[in-house]
Amino acid sequence: VQLQASGGGSVQAGGSLTLSCTASGRTISTYAMGWFRQAPGQERSFVAATSWSSDSTYYASSVKGRFTISRDNAKNTVYLQMNTLKPEDTAVYYCASLVEGTPEYWGQGTLVTVSS
């Protein structure tokens, strides 16, 4: 499966962006999906995840209340709506398919830059 992330860009603090991750080669409708990010000089870290049915969602404490993960299985796409962005949200964002909570396939990453 190939995961194509898009939607990154530059935004001022307090702004919003929506990231998309579209899969090809395999349906993701039966897989949990997640977003991760890696800031310069830091390890890649978990941001958000959704179950295959969207019944359950999970967020890192640093983004809870500001970010929303969603999916459209008909479009084989997962989204990350990011509101009230902060400079510390600056990172390369990656989507991943999850198997038992562990990333199986990774997208190529999309850069989000938040300026103060």
PDB file of N, CA and C in Angstrom:
ATOM      1  N   VAL A   1       0.843  -1.173   0.000  1.00  0.00           N
ATOM      2  CA  VAL A   1       0.000   0.000   0.000  1.00  0.00           C
ATOM      3  C   VAL A   1       0.887   1.235   0.000  1.00  0.00           C
ATOM      4  N   GLN A   2       0.440   2.283  -0.677  1.00  0.00           N
ATOM      5  CA  GLN A   2       1.156   3.562  -0.680  1.00  0.00           C
ATOM      6  C   GLN A   2       0.266   4.604  -0.037  1.00  0.00           C
ATOM      7  N   LEU A   3       0.848   5.392   0.838  1.00  0.00           N
ATOM      8  CA  LEU A   3       0.122   6.445   1.532  1.00  0.00           C
ATOM      9  C   LEU A   3       0.696   7.783   1.093  1.00  0.00           C
ATOM     10  N   GLN A   4      -0.168   8.640   0.608  1.00  0.00           N
ATOM     11  CA  GLN A   4       0.242   9.948   0.109  1.00  0.00           C
ATOM     12  C   GLN A   4      -0.333  11.029   1.015  1.00  0.00           C
ATOM     13  N   ALA A   5       0.543  11.686   1.744  1.00  0.00           N
ATOM     14  CA  ALA A   5       0.114  12.762   2.635  1.00  0.00           C
ATOM     15  C   ALA A   5       0.227  14.091   1.922  1.00  0.00           C
ATOM     16  N   SER A   6      -0.701  14.976   2.218  1.00  0.00           N
ATOM     17  CA  SER A   6      -0.683  16.304   1.617  1.00  0.00           C
ATOM     18  C   SER A   6      -1.366  17.287   2.543  1.00  0.00           C
ATOM     19  N   GLY A   7      -1.256  18.563   2.204  1.00  0.00           N
ATOM     20  CA  GLY A   7      -1.953  19.588   2.958  1.00  0.00           C
ATOM     21  C   GLY A   7      -1.067  20.412   3.875  1.00  0.00           C
ATOM     22  N   GLY A   8       0.195  20.054   3.965  1.00  0.00           N
ATOM     23  CA  GLY A   8       1.087  20.836   4.810  1.00  0.00           C
ATOM     24  C   GLY A   8       1.337  22.214   4.226  1.00  0.00           C
ATOM     25  N   GLY A   9       1.944  23.058   5.030  1.00  0.00           N
ATOM     26  CA  GLY A   9       2.240  24.403   4.567  1.00  0.00           C
ATOM     27  C   GLY A   9       2.685  25.271   5.721  1.00  0.00           C
ATOM     28  N   SER A  10       2.737  26.551   5.457  1.00  0.00           N
ATOM     29  CA  SER A  10       3.136  27.520   6.470  1.00  0.00           C
ATOM     30  C   SER A  10       1.922  28.305   6.926  1.00  0.00           C
ATOM     31  N   VAL A  11       1.821  28.498   8.211  1.00  0.00           N
ATOM     32  CA  VAL A  11       0.674  29.197   8.781  1.00  0.00           C
ATOM     33  C   VAL A  11       1.137  29.944  10.022  1.00  0.00           C
ATOM     34  N   GLN A  12       0.441  30.998  10.354  1.00  0.00           N
ATOM     35  CA  GLN A  12       0.756  31.728  11.572  1.00  0.00           C
ATOM     36  C   GLN A  12       0.115  31.046  12.771  1.00  0.00           C
ATOM     37  N   ALA A  13       0.678  31.289  13.912  1.00  0.00           N
ATOM     38  CA  ALA A  13       0.126  30.747  15.143  1.00  0.00           C
ATOM     39  C   ALA A  13      -1.344  31.134  15.272  1.00  0.00           C
ATOM     40  N   GLY A  14      -2.138  30.172  15.695  1.00  0.00           N
ATOM     41  CA  GLY A  14      -3.573  30.390  15.803  1.00  0.00           C
ATOM     42  C   GLY A  14      -4.344  29.969  14.569  1.00  0.00           C
ATOM     43  N   GLY A  15      -3.621  29.695  13.507  1.00  0.00           N
ATOM     44  CA  GLY A  15      -4.264  29.300  12.263  1.00  0.00           C
ATOM     45  C   GLY A  15      -4.622  27.833  12.222  1.00  0.00           C
ATOM     46  N   SER A  16      -5.118  27.415  11.056  1.00  0.00           N
ATOM     47  CA  SER A  16      -5.588  26.042  10.869  1.00  0.00           C
ATOM     48  C   SER A  16      -5.055  25.451   9.581  1.00  0.00           C
ATOM     49  N   LEU A  17      -4.914  24.151   9.595  1.00  0.00           N
ATOM     50  CA  LEU A  17      -4.572  23.398   8.394  1.00  0.00           C
ATOM     51  C   LEU A  17      -5.276  22.052   8.471  1.00  0.00           C
ATOM     52  N   THR A  18      -5.544  21.488   7.310  1.00  0.00           N
ATOM     53  CA  THR A  18      -6.081  20.141   7.255  1.00  0.00           C
ATOM     54  C   THR A  18      -5.165  19.275   6.404  1.00  0.00           C
ATOM     55  N   LEU A  19      -4.673  18.218   6.997  1.00  0.00           N
ATOM     56  CA  LEU A  19      -3.839  17.263   6.288  1.00  0.00           C
ATOM     57  C   LEU A  19      -4.700  16.120   5.769  1.00  0.00           C
ATOM     58  N   SER A  20      -4.306  15.597   4.619  1.00  0.00           N
ATOM     59  CA  SER A  20      -4.982  14.448   4.041  1.00  0.00           C
ATOM     60  C   SER A  20      -3.973  13.339   3.803  1.00  0.00           C
ATOM     61  N   CYS A  21      -4.426  12.127   3.899  1.00  0.00           N
ATOM     62  CA  CYS A  21      -3.588  10.957   3.626  1.00  0.00           C
ATOM     63  C   CYS A  21      -4.438   9.988   2.812  1.00  0.00           C
ATOM     64  N   THR A  22      -4.079   9.831   1.556  1.00  0.00           N
ATOM     65  CA  THR A  22      -4.837   8.967   0.658  1.00  0.00           C
ATOM     66  C   THR A  22      -4.039   7.718   0.348  1.00  0.00           C
ATOM     67  N   ALA A  23      -4.698   6.590   0.467  1.00  0.00           N
ATOM     68  CA  ALA A  23      -4.046   5.305   0.239  1.00  0.00           C
ATOM     69  C   ALA A  23      -4.336   4.788  -1.157  1.00  0.00           C
ATOM     70  N   SER A  24      -3.386   4.096  -1.690  1.00  0.00           N
ATOM     71  CA  SER A  24      -3.578   3.405  -2.963  1.00  0.00           C
ATOM     72  C   SER A  24      -2.953   2.023  -2.860  1.00  0.00           C
ATOM     73  N   GLY A  25      -3.458   1.122  -3.654  1.00  0.00           N
ATOM     74  CA  GLY A  25      -2.925  -0.232  -3.656  1.00  0.00           C
ATOM     75  C   GLY A  25      -3.637  -1.181  -2.715  1.00  0.00           C
ATOM     76  N   ARG A  26      -4.374  -0.631  -1.771  1.00  0.00           N
ATOM     77  CA  ARG A  26      -5.106  -1.466  -0.834  1.00  0.00           C
ATOM     78  C   ARG A  26      -6.124  -0.591  -0.111  1.00  0.00           C
ATOM     79  N   THR A  27      -7.248  -1.161   0.194  1.00  0.00           N
ATOM     80  CA  THR A  27      -8.212  -0.400   0.976  1.00  0.00           C
ATOM     81  C   THR A  27      -7.725  -0.278   2.408  1.00  0.00           C
ATOM     82  N   ILE A  28      -7.972   0.864   3.010  1.00  0.00           N
ATOM     83  CA  ILE A  28      -7.618   1.059   4.418  1.00  0.00           C
ATOM     84  C   ILE A  28      -8.852   0.971   5.302  1.00  0.00           C
ATOM     85  N   SER A  29      -9.968   0.589   4.709  1.00  0.00           N
ATOM     86  CA  SER A  29     -11.231   0.636   5.450  1.00  0.00           C
ATOM     87  C   SER A  29     -11.270  -0.303   6.642  1.00  0.00           C
ATOM     88  N   THR A  30     -10.423  -1.317   6.661  1.00  0.00           N
ATOM     89  CA  THR A  30     -10.418  -2.250   7.782  1.00  0.00           C
ATOM     90  C   THR A  30      -9.224  -2.054   8.695  1.00  0.00           C
ATOM     91  N   TYR A  31      -8.514  -0.947   8.504  1.00  0.00           N
ATOM     92  CA  TYR A  31      -7.314  -0.693   9.287  1.00  0.00           C
ATOM     93  C   TYR A  31      -7.454   0.557  10.137  1.00  0.00           C
ATOM     94  N   ALA A  32      -6.932   0.493  11.331  1.00  0.00           N
ATOM     95  CA  ALA A  32      -6.738   1.707  12.099  1.00  0.00           C
ATOM     96  C   ALA A  32      -5.675   2.542  11.395  1.00  0.00           C
ATOM     97  N   MET A  33      -5.812   3.858  11.521  1.00  0.00           N
ATOM     98  CA  MET A  33      -4.877   4.775  10.876  1.00  0.00           C
ATOM     99  C   MET A  33      -4.417   5.815  11.878  1.00  0.00           C
ATOM    100  N   GLY A  34      -3.215   6.293  11.681  1.00  0.00           N
ATOM    101  CA  GLY A  34      -2.690   7.274  12.614  1.00  0.00           C
ATOM    102  C   GLY A  34      -1.879   8.360  11.947  1.00  0.00           C
ATOM    103  N   TRP A  35      -1.683   9.423  12.689  1.00  0.00           N
ATOM    104  CA  TRP A  35      -0.798  10.515  12.303  1.00  0.00           C
ATOM    105  C   TRP A  35       0.310  10.618  13.347  1.00  0.00           C
ATOM    106  N   PHE A  36       1.498  10.849  12.862  1.00  0.00           N
ATOM    107  CA  PHE A  36       2.669  11.033  13.700  1.00  0.00           C
ATOM    108  C   PHE A  36       3.391  12.284  13.213  1.00  0.00           C
ATOM    109  N   ARG A  37       4.298  12.808  14.021  1.00  0.00           N
ATOM    110  CA  ARG A  37       5.059  13.956  13.572  1.00  0.00           C
ATOM    111  C   ARG A  37       6.489  13.884  14.094  1.00  0.00           C
ATOM    112  N   GLN A  38       7.354  14.541  13.363  1.00  0.00           N
ATOM    113  CA  GLN A  38       8.756  14.582  13.764  1.00  0.00           C
ATOM    114  C   GLN A  38       9.259  16.008  13.597  1.00  0.00           C
ATOM    115  N   ALA A  39       9.555  16.618  14.729  1.00  0.00           N
ATOM    116  CA  ALA A  39      10.105  17.963  14.738  1.00  0.00           C
ATOM    117  C   ALA A  39      11.619  17.877  14.554  1.00  0.00           C
ATOM    118  N   PRO A  40      12.237  18.954  14.091  1.00  0.00           N
ATOM    119  CA  PRO A  40      13.689  18.937  13.887  1.00  0.00           C
ATOM    120  C   PRO A  40      14.433  18.527  15.148  1.00  0.00           C
ATOM    121  N   GLY A  41      15.300  17.546  15.012  1.00  0.00           N
ATOM    122  CA  GLY A  41      16.114  17.106  16.124  1.00  0.00           C
ATOM    123  C   GLY A  41      15.397  16.251  17.148  1.00  0.00           C
ATOM    124  N   GLN A  42      14.156  15.859  16.835  1.00  0.00           N
ATOM    125  CA  GLN A  42      13.386  15.062  17.790  1.00  0.00           C
ATOM    126  C   GLN A  42      12.969  13.737  17.173  1.00  0.00           C
ATOM    127  N   GLU A  43      12.555  12.834  18.045  1.00  0.00           N
ATOM    128  CA  GLU A  43      12.057  11.550  17.604  1.00  0.00           C
ATOM    129  C   GLU A  43      10.652  11.721  17.016  1.00  0.00           C
ATOM    130  N   ARG A  44      10.284  10.812  16.149  1.00  0.00           N
ATOM    131  CA  ARG A  44       8.923  10.801  15.633  1.00  0.00           C
ATOM    132  C   ARG A  44       7.986  10.431  16.780  1.00  0.00           C
ATOM    133  N   SER A  45       6.860  11.142  16.870  1.00  0.00           N
ATOM    134  CA  SER A  45       5.953  10.910  17.984  1.00  0.00           C
ATOM    135  C   SER A  45       4.510  10.806  17.502  1.00  0.00           C
ATOM    136  N   PHE A  46       3.734  10.164  18.305  1.00  0.00           N
ATOM    137  CA  PHE A  46       2.321   9.940  18.012  1.00  0.00           C
ATOM    138  C   PHE A  46       1.539  11.244  18.130  1.00  0.00           C
ATOM    139  N   VAL A  47       0.593  11.433  17.205  1.00  0.00           N
ATOM    140  CA  VAL A  47      -0.284  12.600  17.250  1.00  0.00           C
ATOM    141  C   VAL A  47      -1.739  12.182  17.466  1.00  0.00           C
ATOM    142  N   ALA A  48      -2.223  11.311  16.595  1.00  0.00           N
ATOM    143  CA  ALA A  48      -3.630  10.922  16.672  1.00  0.00           C
ATOM    144  C   ALA A  48      -3.840   9.608  15.930  1.00  0.00           C
ATOM    145  N   ALA A  49      -4.909   8.902  16.291  1.00  0.00           N
ATOM    146  CA  ALA A  49      -5.248   7.657  15.617  1.00  0.00           C
ATOM    147  C   ALA A  49      -6.750   7.481  15.628  1.00  0.00           C
ATOM    148  N   THR A  50      -7.213   6.718  14.647  1.00  0.00           N
ATOM    149  CA  THR A  50      -8.627   6.396  14.566  1.00  0.00           C
ATOM    150  C   THR A  50      -8.788   4.919  14.263  1.00  0.00           C
ATOM    151  N   SER A  51      -9.793   4.312  14.858  1.00  0.00           N
ATOM    152  CA  SER A  51     -10.102   2.934  14.537  1.00  0.00           C
ATOM    153  C   SER A  51     -10.635   2.846  13.110  1.00  0.00           C
ATOM    154  N   TRP A  52     -10.760   1.625  12.602  1.00  0.00           N
ATOM    155  CA  TRP A  52     -11.201   1.468  11.215  1.00  0.00           C
ATOM    156  C   TRP A  52     -12.607   2.012  11.007  1.00  0.00           C
ATOM    157  N   SER A  53     -13.416   1.954  12.063  1.00  0.00           N
ATOM    158  CA  SER A  53     -14.810   2.385  11.955  1.00  0.00           C
ATOM    159  C   SER A  53     -15.020   3.816  12.406  1.00  0.00           C
ATOM    160  N   SER A  54     -13.958   4.459  12.882  1.00  0.00           N
ATOM    161  CA  SER A  54     -14.043   5.812  13.453  1.00  0.00           C
ATOM    162  C   SER A  54     -14.757   5.839  14.805  1.00  0.00           C
ATOM    163  N   ASP A  55     -15.087   4.677  15.336  1.00  0.00           N
ATOM    164  CA  ASP A  55     -15.754   4.641  16.646  1.00  0.00           C
ATOM    165  C   ASP A  55     -14.846   5.133  17.751  1.00  0.00           C
ATOM    166  N   SER A  56     -13.554   4.911  17.569  1.00  0.00           N
ATOM    167  CA  SER A  56     -12.601   5.300  18.606  1.00  0.00           C
ATOM    168  C   SER A  56     -11.521   6.192  18.014  1.00  0.00           C
ATOM    169  N   THR A  57     -11.216   7.242  18.719  1.00  0.00           N
ATOM    170  CA  THR A  57     -10.111   8.118  18.320  1.00  0.00           C
ATOM    171  C   THR A  57      -9.211   8.360  19.523  1.00  0.00           C
ATOM    172  N   TYR A  58      -7.958   8.619  19.246  1.00  0.00           N
ATOM    173  CA  TYR A  58      -6.963   8.792  20.292  1.00  0.00           C
ATOM    174  C   TYR A  58      -6.084   9.982  19.920  1.00  0.00           C
ATOM    175  N   TYR A  59      -5.674  10.723  20.938  1.00  0.00           N
ATOM    176  CA  TYR A  59      -4.863  11.916  20.690  1.00  0.00           C
ATOM    177  C   TYR A  59      -3.735  12.029  21.702  1.00  0.00           C
ATOM    178  N   ALA A  60      -2.645  12.575  21.253  1.00  0.00           N
ATOM    179  CA  ALA A  60      -1.592  12.972  22.180  1.00  0.00           C
ATOM    180  C   ALA A  60      -2.120  14.127  23.019  1.00  0.00           C
ATOM    181  N   SER A  61      -1.695  14.191  24.249  1.00  0.00           N
ATOM    182  CA  SER A  61      -2.203  15.229  25.150  1.00  0.00           C
ATOM    183  C   SER A  61      -1.892  16.630  24.619  1.00  0.00           C
ATOM    184  N   SER A  62      -0.803  16.751  23.874  1.00  0.00           N
ATOM    185  CA  SER A  62      -0.395  18.064  23.384  1.00  0.00           C
ATOM    186  C   SER A  62      -1.313  18.620  22.289  1.00  0.00           C
ATOM    187  N   VAL A  63      -2.105  17.746  21.675  1.00  0.00           N
ATOM    188  CA  VAL A  63      -2.970  18.210  20.589  1.00  0.00           C
ATOM    189  C   VAL A  63      -4.452  18.014  20.892  1.00  0.00           C
ATOM    190  N   LYS A  64      -4.764  17.341  21.965  1.00  0.00           N
ATOM    191  CA  LYS A  64      -6.164  17.062  22.291  1.00  0.00           C
ATOM    192  C   LYS A  64      -6.934  18.358  22.447  1.00  0.00           C
ATOM    193  N   GLY A  65      -8.082  18.410  21.803  1.00  0.00           N
ATOM    194  CA  GLY A  65      -8.897  19.617  21.850  1.00  0.00           C
ATOM    195  C   GLY A  65      -8.607  20.586  20.726  1.00  0.00           C
ATOM    196  N   ARG A  66      -7.482  20.387  20.038  1.00  0.00           N
ATOM    197  CA  ARG A  66      -7.128  21.267  18.922  1.00  0.00           C
ATOM    198  C   ARG A  66      -7.124  20.524  17.587  1.00  0.00           C
ATOM    199  N   PHE A  67      -6.757  19.250  17.610  1.00  0.00           N
ATOM    200  CA  PHE A  67      -6.682  18.447  16.389  1.00  0.00           C
ATOM    201  C   PHE A  67      -7.830  17.444  16.364  1.00  0.00           C
ATOM    202  N   THR A  68      -8.290  17.132  15.162  1.00  0.00           N
ATOM    203  CA  THR A  68      -9.331  16.133  14.989  1.00  0.00           C
ATOM    204  C   THR A  68      -8.949  15.199  13.841  1.00  0.00           C
ATOM    205  N   ILE A  69      -8.934  13.911  14.139  1.00  0.00           N
ATOM    206  CA  ILE A  69      -8.666  12.923  13.103  1.00  0.00           C
ATOM    207  C   ILE A  69      -9.995  12.369  12.607  1.00  0.00           C
ATOM    208  N   SER A  70     -10.090  12.170  11.316  1.00  0.00           N
ATOM    209  CA  SER A  70     -11.303  11.598  10.733  1.00  0.00           C
ATOM    210  C   SER A  70     -10.917  10.804   9.493  1.00  0.00           C
ATOM    211  N   ARG A  71     -11.856  10.062   8.990  1.00  0.00           N
ATOM    212  CA  ARG A  71     -11.569   9.256   7.813  1.00  0.00           C
ATOM    213  C   ARG A  71     -12.792   9.144   6.925  1.00  0.00           C
ATOM    214  N   ASP A  72     -12.539   8.943   5.663  1.00  0.00           N
ATOM    215  CA  ASP A  72     -13.589   8.678   4.692  1.00  0.00           C
ATOM    216  C   ASP A  72     -13.174   7.398   3.970  1.00  0.00           C
ATOM    217  N   ASN A  73     -13.708   6.290   4.409  1.00  0.00           N
ATOM    218  CA  ASN A  73     -13.279   5.014   3.849  1.00  0.00           C
ATOM    219  C   ASN A  73     -13.650   4.878   2.374  1.00  0.00           C
ATOM    220  N   ALA A  74     -14.716   5.540   1.977  1.00  0.00           N
ATOM    221  CA  ALA A  74     -15.105   5.493   0.560  1.00  0.00           C
ATOM    222  C   ALA A  74     -14.042   6.149  -0.317  1.00  0.00           C
ATOM    223  N   LYS A  75     -13.326   7.117   0.255  1.00  0.00           N
ATOM    224  CA  LYS A  75     -12.268   7.811  -0.489  1.00  0.00           C
ATOM    225  C   LYS A  75     -10.887   7.278  -0.126  1.00  0.00           C
ATOM    226  N   ASN A  76     -10.858   6.263   0.752  1.00  0.00           N
ATOM    227  CA  ASN A  76      -9.575   5.690   1.179  1.00  0.00           C
ATOM    228  C   ASN A  76      -8.648   6.766   1.732  1.00  0.00           C
ATOM    229  N   THR A  77      -9.224   7.687   2.501  1.00  0.00           N
ATOM    230  CA  THR A  77      -8.493   8.865   2.952  1.00  0.00           C
ATOM    231  C   THR A  77      -8.713   9.107   4.437  1.00  0.00           C
ATOM    232  N   VAL A  78      -7.655   9.539   5.084  1.00  0.00           N
ATOM    233  CA  VAL A  78      -7.702   9.940   6.483  1.00  0.00           C
ATOM    234  C   VAL A  78      -7.298  11.410   6.557  1.00  0.00           C
ATOM    235  N   TYR A  79      -7.918  12.136   7.470  1.00  0.00           N
ATOM    236  CA  TYR A  79      -7.673  13.567   7.588  1.00  0.00           C
ATOM    237  C   TYR A  79      -7.181  13.901   8.992  1.00  0.00           C
ATOM    238  N   LEU A  80      -6.487  15.022   9.077  1.00  0.00           N
ATOM    239  CA  LEU A  80      -6.127  15.583  10.376  1.00  0.00           C
ATOM    240  C   LEU A  80      -6.414  17.075  10.318  1.00  0.00           C
ATOM    241  N   GLN A  81      -7.485  17.460  10.977  1.00  0.00           N
ATOM    242  CA  GLN A  81      -7.838  18.873  11.066  1.00  0.00           C
ATOM    243  C   GLN A  81      -7.077  19.459  12.245  1.00  0.00           C
ATOM    244  N   MET A  82      -6.290  20.491  11.976  1.00  0.00           N
ATOM    245  CA  MET A  82      -5.457  21.084  13.012  1.00  0.00           C
ATOM    246  C   MET A  82      -5.867  22.539  13.198  1.00  0.00           C
ATOM    247  N   ASN A  83      -6.342  22.840  14.388  1.00  0.00           N
ATOM    248  CA  ASN A  83      -6.778  24.192  14.716  1.00  0.00           C
ATOM    249  C   ASN A  83      -5.901  24.780  15.806  1.00  0.00           C
ATOM    250  N   THR A  84      -5.957  26.080  15.943  1.00  0.00           N
ATOM    251  CA  THR A  84      -5.205  26.790  16.976  1.00  0.00           C
ATOM    252  C   THR A  84      -3.754  26.322  16.990  1.00  0.00           C
ATOM    253  N   LEU A  85      -3.145  26.349  15.838  1.00  0.00           N
ATOM    254  CA  LEU A  85      -1.783  25.846  15.707  1.00  0.00           C
ATOM    255  C   LEU A  85      -0.808  26.700  16.499  1.00  0.00           C
ATOM    256  N   LYS A  86       0.197  26.028  17.024  1.00  0.00           N
ATOM    257  CA  LYS A  86       1.242  26.675  17.815  1.00  0.00           C
ATOM    258  C   LYS A  86       2.605  26.451  17.143  1.00  0.00           C
ATOM    259  N   PRO A  87       3.562  27.303  17.417  1.00  0.00           N
ATOM    260  CA  PRO A  87       4.897  27.085  16.835  1.00  0.00           C
ATOM    261  C   PRO A  87       5.466  25.701  17.153  1.00  0.00           C
ATOM    262  N   GLU A  88       5.129  25.168  18.319  1.00  0.00           N
ATOM    263  CA  GLU A  88       5.637  23.848  18.677  1.00  0.00           C
ATOM    264  C   GLU A  88       4.979  22.719  17.901  1.00  0.00           C
ATOM    265  N   ASP A  89       3.983  23.038  17.089  1.00  0.00           N
ATOM    266  CA  ASP A  89       3.390  22.034  16.198  1.00  0.00           C
ATOM    267  C   ASP A  89       4.192  21.883  14.907  1.00  0.00           C
ATOM    268  N   THR A  90       5.189  22.737  14.728  1.00  0.00           N
ATOM    269  CA  THR A  90       6.024  22.659  13.536  1.00  0.00           C
ATOM    270  C   THR A  90       6.728  21.317  13.474  1.00  0.00           C
ATOM    271  N   ALA A  91       6.524  20.604  12.375  1.00  0.00           N
ATOM    272  CA  ALA A  91       7.092  19.262  12.228  1.00  0.00           C
ATOM    273  C   ALA A  91       6.750  18.725  10.842  1.00  0.00           C
ATOM    274  N   VAL A  92       7.370  17.631  10.502  1.00  0.00           N
ATOM    275  CA  VAL A  92       6.928  16.841   9.357  1.00  0.00           C
ATOM    276  C   VAL A  92       5.898  15.854   9.873  1.00  0.00           C
ATOM    277  N   TYR A  93       4.742  15.845   9.252  1.00  0.00           N
ATOM    278  CA  TYR A  93       3.645  14.987   9.673  1.00  0.00           C
ATOM    279  C   TYR A  93       3.552  13.785   8.743  1.00  0.00           C
ATOM    280  N   TYR A  94       3.425  12.625   9.364  1.00  0.00           N
ATOM    281  CA  TYR A  94       3.351  11.365   8.638  1.00  0.00           C
ATOM    282  C   TYR A  94       2.058  10.642   8.979  1.00  0.00           C
ATOM    283  N   CYS A  95       1.458  10.045   7.985  1.00  0.00           N
ATOM    284  CA  CYS A  95       0.349   9.144   8.256  1.00  0.00           C
ATOM    285  C   CYS A  95       0.863   7.709   8.194  1.00  0.00           C
ATOM    286  N   ALA A  96       0.151   6.833   8.842  1.00  0.00           N
ATOM    287  CA  ALA A  96       0.557   5.435   8.872  1.00  0.00           C
ATOM    288  C   ALA A  96      -0.653   4.546   9.053  1.00  0.00           C
ATOM    289  N   SER A  97      -0.614   3.384   8.438  1.00  0.00           N
ATOM    290  CA  SER A  97      -1.610   2.369   8.744  1.00  0.00           C
ATOM    291  C   SER A  97      -1.114   1.633   9.990  1.00  0.00           C
ATOM    292  N   LEU A  98      -2.030   1.216  10.810  1.00  0.00           N
ATOM    293  CA  LEU A  98      -1.682   0.614  12.094  1.00  0.00           C
ATOM    294  C   LEU A  98      -2.169  -0.827  12.176  1.00  0.00           C
ATOM    295  N   VAL A  99      -1.337  -1.657  12.708  1.00  0.00           N
ATOM    296  CA  VAL A  99      -1.713  -3.034  13.020  1.00  0.00           C
ATOM    297  C   VAL A  99      -1.434  -3.245  14.503  1.00  0.00           C
ATOM    298  N   GLU A 100      -2.498  -3.468  15.256  1.00  0.00           N
ATOM    299  CA  GLU A 100      -2.390  -3.597  16.715  1.00  0.00           C
ATOM    300  C   GLU A 100      -1.624  -2.407  17.295  1.00  0.00           C
ATOM    301  N   GLY A 101      -1.929  -1.244  16.770  1.00  0.00           N
ATOM    302  CA  GLY A 101      -1.348  -0.025  17.301  1.00  0.00           C
ATOM    303  C   GLY A 101       0.041   0.309  16.794  1.00  0.00           C
ATOM    304  N   THR A 102       0.610  -0.568  16.011  1.00  0.00           N
ATOM    305  CA  THR A 102       1.969  -0.360  15.510  1.00  0.00           C
ATOM    306  C   THR A 102       1.929   0.044  14.033  1.00  0.00           C
ATOM    307  N   PRO A 103       2.670   1.082  13.667  1.00  0.00           N
ATOM    308  CA  PRO A 103       2.691   1.478  12.258  1.00  0.00           C
ATOM    309  C   PRO A 103       3.179   0.355  11.353  1.00  0.00           C
ATOM    310  N   GLU A 104       2.418   0.151  10.273  1.00  0.00           N
ATOM    311  CA  GLU A 104       2.805  -0.873   9.308  1.00  0.00           C
ATOM    312  C   GLU A 104       3.384  -0.211   8.053  1.00  0.00           C
ATOM    313  N   TYR A 105       2.617   0.682   7.468  1.00  0.00           N
ATOM    314  CA  TYR A 105       3.077   1.438   6.313  1.00  0.00           C
ATOM    315  C   TYR A 105       3.060   2.925   6.638  1.00  0.00           C
ATOM    316  N   TRP A 106       4.068   3.641   6.115  1.00  0.00           N
ATOM    317  CA  TRP A 106       4.188   5.073   6.343  1.00  0.00           C
ATOM    318  C   TRP A 106       3.978   5.843   5.052  1.00  0.00           C
ATOM    319  N   GLY A 107       3.378   7.026   5.180  1.00  0.00           N
ATOM    320  CA  GLY A 107       3.348   7.973   4.082  1.00  0.00           C
ATOM    321  C   GLY A 107       4.667   8.714   4.028  1.00  0.00           C
ATOM    322  N   GLN A 108       4.809   9.587   3.048  1.00  0.00           N
ATOM    323  CA  GLN A 108       6.102  10.226   2.828  1.00  0.00           C
ATOM    324  C   GLN A 108       6.307  11.470   3.686  1.00  0.00           C
ATOM    325  N   GLY A 109       5.290  11.951   4.350  1.00  0.00           N
ATOM    326  CA  GLY A 109       5.424  13.120   5.202  1.00  0.00           C
ATOM    327  C   GLY A 109       5.073  14.414   4.506  1.00  0.00           C
ATOM    328  N   THR A 110       4.518  15.318   5.262  1.00  0.00           N
ATOM    329  CA  THR A 110       4.191  16.654   4.763  1.00  0.00           C
ATOM    330  C   THR A 110       4.572  17.662   5.838  1.00  0.00           C
ATOM    331  N   LEU A 111       5.237  18.739   5.443  1.00  0.00           N
ATOM    332  CA  LEU A 111       5.805  19.692   6.389  1.00  0.00           C
ATOM    333  C   LEU A 111       4.777  20.738   6.808  1.00  0.00           C
ATOM    334  N   VAL A 112       4.668  20.920   8.096  1.00  0.00           N
ATOM    335  CA  VAL A 112       3.836  21.970   8.673  1.00  0.00           C
ATOM    336  C   VAL A 112       4.750  22.929   9.428  1.00  0.00           C
ATOM    337  N   THR A 113       4.678  24.193   9.078  1.00  0.00           N
ATOM    338  CA  THR A 113       5.492  25.215   9.735  1.00  0.00           C
ATOM    339  C   THR A 113       4.564  26.263  10.326  1.00  0.00           C
ATOM    340  N   VAL A 114       4.678  26.477  11.621  1.00  0.00           N
ATOM    341  CA  VAL A 114       3.841  27.446  12.316  1.00  0.00           C
ATOM    342  C   VAL A 114       4.739  28.560  12.841  1.00  0.00           C
ATOM    343  N   SER A 115       4.479  29.758  12.397  1.00  0.00           N
ATOM    344  CA  SER A 115       5.288  30.894  12.821  1.00  0.00           C
ATOM    345  C   SER A 115       4.566  31.700  13.896  1.00  0.00           C
ATOM    346  N   SER A 116       5.353  32.285  14.768  1.00  0.00           N
ATOM    347  CA  SER A 116       4.762  33.051  15.883  1.00  0.00           C
ATOM    348  C   SER A 116       4.524  34.497  15.494  1.00  0.00           C
TER     349      SER A 116
END
